[in-house]
Amino acid sequence: MLNVLVLCTGNSARSILGEALLDRLGEGRVQAFSAGSRPAGQVNPGALRLLQREGFDTDDFRSKSWGEFTGPDAPDIDLAITVCGNAAGEACPVFPGSPLRAHWGLADPAAVEGNEAQVDAAFWATWRLLRLRVEAFLALPLETIDRSALQIALADIGAMEGAA
């Protein structure tokens, strides 16, 4: 099983959605986590609404620091995926496991201003694009692919539709 850490700045929207998708669609092949460089302290309400509509129990989702994944009790991370440009440009801490790194940039739905329907539409668009990337990732032969081929595939996935 691969341990995947999804990173963004606030760990309140995109990275939370990535964690949810990877865990659900990974069906035991992937264990997903998420974190942020400067966590917002709470999950964005738009992300929570989307996850609830998709049938997730949202009680366990929380905004957390990437520092939680650097200590002696942290899981070994096989892959760290940034989903926002800010986190991709920051110096990441050293995560146990010497993970591969990939950037799957997505527009921030939390930055959308408007009524609830407009905000929800932005979250749905991000969810759809992220799901396409997660499905492409999970279609790879993760059990047998070598690190260099996986790194190339991850870059290709990051360049898919909607790359930001």
Protein backbone atom coordinates (compact mmCIF):
# COMPACT_ATOMS: atom_id res chain seq x y z
CA MET A 1 0.00 0.00 0.00
CA LEU A 2 1.24 3.48 -0.90
CA ASN A 3 1.05 6.32 1.61
CA VAL A 4 0.14 9.52 -0.24
CA LEU A 5 0.26 12.97 1.36
CA VAL A 6 -1.74 15.69 -0.41
CA LEU A 7 -0.48 19.20 0.35
CA CYS A 8 -1.75 22.73 -0.04
CA THR A 9 -1.29 25.89 1.97
CA GLY A 10 -4.39 25.91 4.17
CA ASN A 11 -5.37 22.22 4.13
CA SER A 12 -8.99 23.30 4.06
CA ALA A 13 -10.24 22.51 0.54
CA ARG A 14 -8.22 20.99 -2.34
CA SER A 15 -5.95 18.77 -0.25
CA ILE A 16 -8.89 17.56 1.83
CA LEU A 17 -10.75 16.62 -1.37
CA GLY A 18 -7.65 14.83 -2.65
CA GLU A 19 -7.33 12.84 0.56
CA ALA A 20 -10.99 11.81 0.34
CA LEU A 21 -10.78 10.75 -3.30
CA LEU A 22 -7.54 8.82 -2.93
CA ASP A 23 -8.80 6.95 0.12
CA ARG A 24 -12.15 6.04 -1.43
CA LEU A 25 -11.02 5.21 -4.95
CA GLY A 26 -7.74 3.66 -3.81
CA GLU A 27 -9.66 0.74 -2.28
CA GLY A 28 -6.81 -0.38 -0.03
CA ARG A 29 -4.02 0.25 -2.55
CA VAL A 30 -3.48 3.77 -1.19
CA GLN A 31 -3.70 5.35 2.23
CA ALA A 32 -4.13 9.09 1.87
CA PHE A 33 -3.37 11.94 4.23
CA SER A 34 -3.51 15.70 3.78
CA ALA A 35 -1.79 18.66 5.37
CA GLY A 36 -0.93 22.31 4.84
CA SER A 37 2.06 24.58 5.25
CA ARG A 38 -0.13 27.13 7.05
CA PRO A 39 -3.28 25.24 8.02
CA ALA A 40 -6.51 27.22 8.14
CA GLY A 41 -7.61 25.42 11.30
CA GLN A 42 -10.92 24.27 9.85
CA VAL A 43 -12.16 22.56 6.71
CA ASN A 44 -13.85 24.92 4.27
CA PRO A 45 -17.68 24.67 4.47
CA GLY A 46 -17.88 24.24 0.68
CA ALA A 47 -15.58 21.21 0.88
CA LEU A 48 -17.63 19.76 3.71
CA ARG A 49 -20.90 20.21 1.77
CA LEU A 50 -19.43 18.47 -1.28
CA LEU A 51 -18.04 15.58 0.76
CA GLN A 52 -21.36 15.12 2.56
CA ARG A 53 -23.22 15.09 -0.77
CA GLU A 54 -20.77 12.44 -1.99
CA GLY A 55 -21.56 10.27 1.02
CA PHE A 56 -18.46 10.88 3.15
CA ASP A 57 -18.52 10.98 6.92
CA THR A 58 -16.82 14.34 7.41
CA ASP A 59 -16.18 14.03 11.14
CA ASP A 60 -12.59 12.86 10.68
CA PHE A 61 -11.49 15.52 8.19
CA ARG A 62 -9.51 18.33 9.78
CA SER A 63 -7.08 21.04 8.76
CA LYS A 64 -3.59 20.07 9.96
CA SER A 65 0.03 21.11 9.60
CA TRP A 66 2.48 19.23 7.46
CA GLY A 67 4.65 19.14 10.59
CA GLU A 68 2.46 16.27 11.81
CA PHE A 69 4.07 14.15 9.09
CA THR A 70 7.71 14.83 9.99
CA GLY A 71 8.08 13.39 13.49
CA PRO A 72 9.27 9.97 14.64
CA ASP A 73 5.71 8.62 14.82
CA ALA A 74 4.78 9.85 11.33
CA PRO A 75 4.04 7.29 8.64
CA ASP A 76 6.55 6.79 5.84
CA ILE A 77 5.27 8.79 2.88
CA ASP A 78 5.71 7.31 -0.60
CA LEU A 79 4.29 10.24 -2.56
CA ALA A 80 3.71 13.92 -1.72
CA ILE A 81 1.36 15.74 -4.11
CA THR A 82 0.95 19.51 -4.00
CA VAL A 83 -2.37 20.80 -5.33
CA CYS A 84 -1.72 24.54 -5.05
CA GLY A 85 1.01 26.73 -6.46
CA ASN A 86 1.93 28.25 -3.09
CA ALA A 87 2.68 24.89 -1.48
CA ALA A 88 4.52 23.72 -4.60
CA GLY A 89 6.82 26.74 -4.37
CA GLU A 90 7.56 26.39 -0.66
CA ALA A 91 10.44 24.46 0.81
CA CYS A 92 8.76 21.30 2.06
CA PRO A 93 9.96 19.62 5.22
CA VAL A 94 11.68 16.26 5.01
CA PHE A 95 9.02 13.58 5.20
CA PRO A 96 9.90 10.06 6.34
CA GLY A 97 10.10 7.60 3.47
CA SER A 98 11.88 9.85 0.92
CA PRO A 99 8.68 10.40 -1.07
CA LEU A 100 8.41 11.20 -4.74
CA ARG A 101 6.96 14.67 -5.26
CA ALA A 102 4.40 15.77 -7.81
CA HIS A 103 2.43 18.93 -8.50
CA TRP A 104 -1.20 18.67 -9.56
CA GLY A 105 -2.15 22.36 -9.51
CA LEU A 106 -5.82 23.22 -9.27
CA ALA A 107 -7.68 26.52 -9.01
CA ASP A 108 -8.73 27.26 -5.45
CA PRO A 109 -12.50 26.87 -5.05
CA ALA A 110 -12.26 28.47 -1.61
CA ALA A 111 -11.27 31.73 -3.31
CA VAL A 112 -14.57 31.94 -5.21
CA GLU A 113 -16.91 34.62 -3.92
CA GLY A 114 -20.62 34.45 -4.48
CA ASN A 115 -23.69 32.71 -3.24
CA GLU A 116 -23.67 29.13 -2.00
CA ALA A 117 -24.61 27.74 -5.44
CA GLN A 118 -21.68 29.55 -7.09
CA VAL A 119 -19.25 28.37 -4.43
CA ASP A 120 -20.58 24.82 -4.67
CA ALA A 121 -20.15 24.90 -8.46
CA ALA A 122 -16.49 25.87 -8.01
CA PHE A 123 -15.96 23.01 -5.57
CA TRP A 124 -17.67 20.58 -7.94
CA ALA A 125 -15.38 21.68 -10.81
CA THR A 126 -12.30 21.13 -8.65
CA TRP A 127 -13.63 17.76 -7.48
CA ARG A 128 -14.22 16.64 -11.08
CA LEU A 129 -10.69 17.57 -12.20
CA LEU A 130 -9.09 16.05 -9.14
CA ARG A 131 -11.09 12.86 -9.61
CA LEU A 132 -9.80 12.55 -13.20
CA ARG A 133 -6.24 12.81 -11.93
CA VAL A 134 -6.77 10.36 -9.09
CA GLU A 135 -8.35 7.87 -11.50
CA ALA A 136 -5.38 8.23 -13.89
CA PHE A 137 -2.99 7.68 -10.98
CA LEU A 138 -4.85 4.61 -9.76
CA ALA A 139 -4.90 3.15 -13.29
CA LEU A 140 -1.09 2.89 -13.11
CA PRO A 141 0.46 -0.45 -12.12
CA LEU A 142 1.37 0.95 -8.70
CA GLU A 143 2.53 -2.39 -7.36
CA THR A 144 5.15 -2.85 -10.11
CA ILE A 145 6.01 0.55 -11.61
CA ASP A 146 9.54 1.82 -10.95
CA ARG A 147 10.16 5.22 -9.35
CA SER A 148 11.40 6.96 -12.49
CA ALA A 149 8.43 5.80 -14.58
CA LEU A 150 6.07 6.80 -11.77
CA GLN A 151 7.66 10.27 -11.57
CA ILE A 152 7.10 10.77 -15.31
CA ALA A 153 3.51 9.53 -15.08
CA LEU A 154 2.82 11.84 -12.12
CA ALA A 155 4.08 14.84 -14.11
CA ASP A 156 1.84 13.88 -17.04
CA ILE A 157 -1.13 13.57 -14.69
CA GLY A 158 -0.33 16.99 -13.24
CA ALA A 159 -0.48 18.48 -16.75
CA MET A 160 -3.97 17.10 -17.43
CA GLU A 161 -7.01 19.27 -18.05
CA GLY A 162 -7.44 22.10 -15.58
CA ALA A 163 -3.80 22.37 -14.52
CA ALA A 164 -3.18 25.60 -12.65
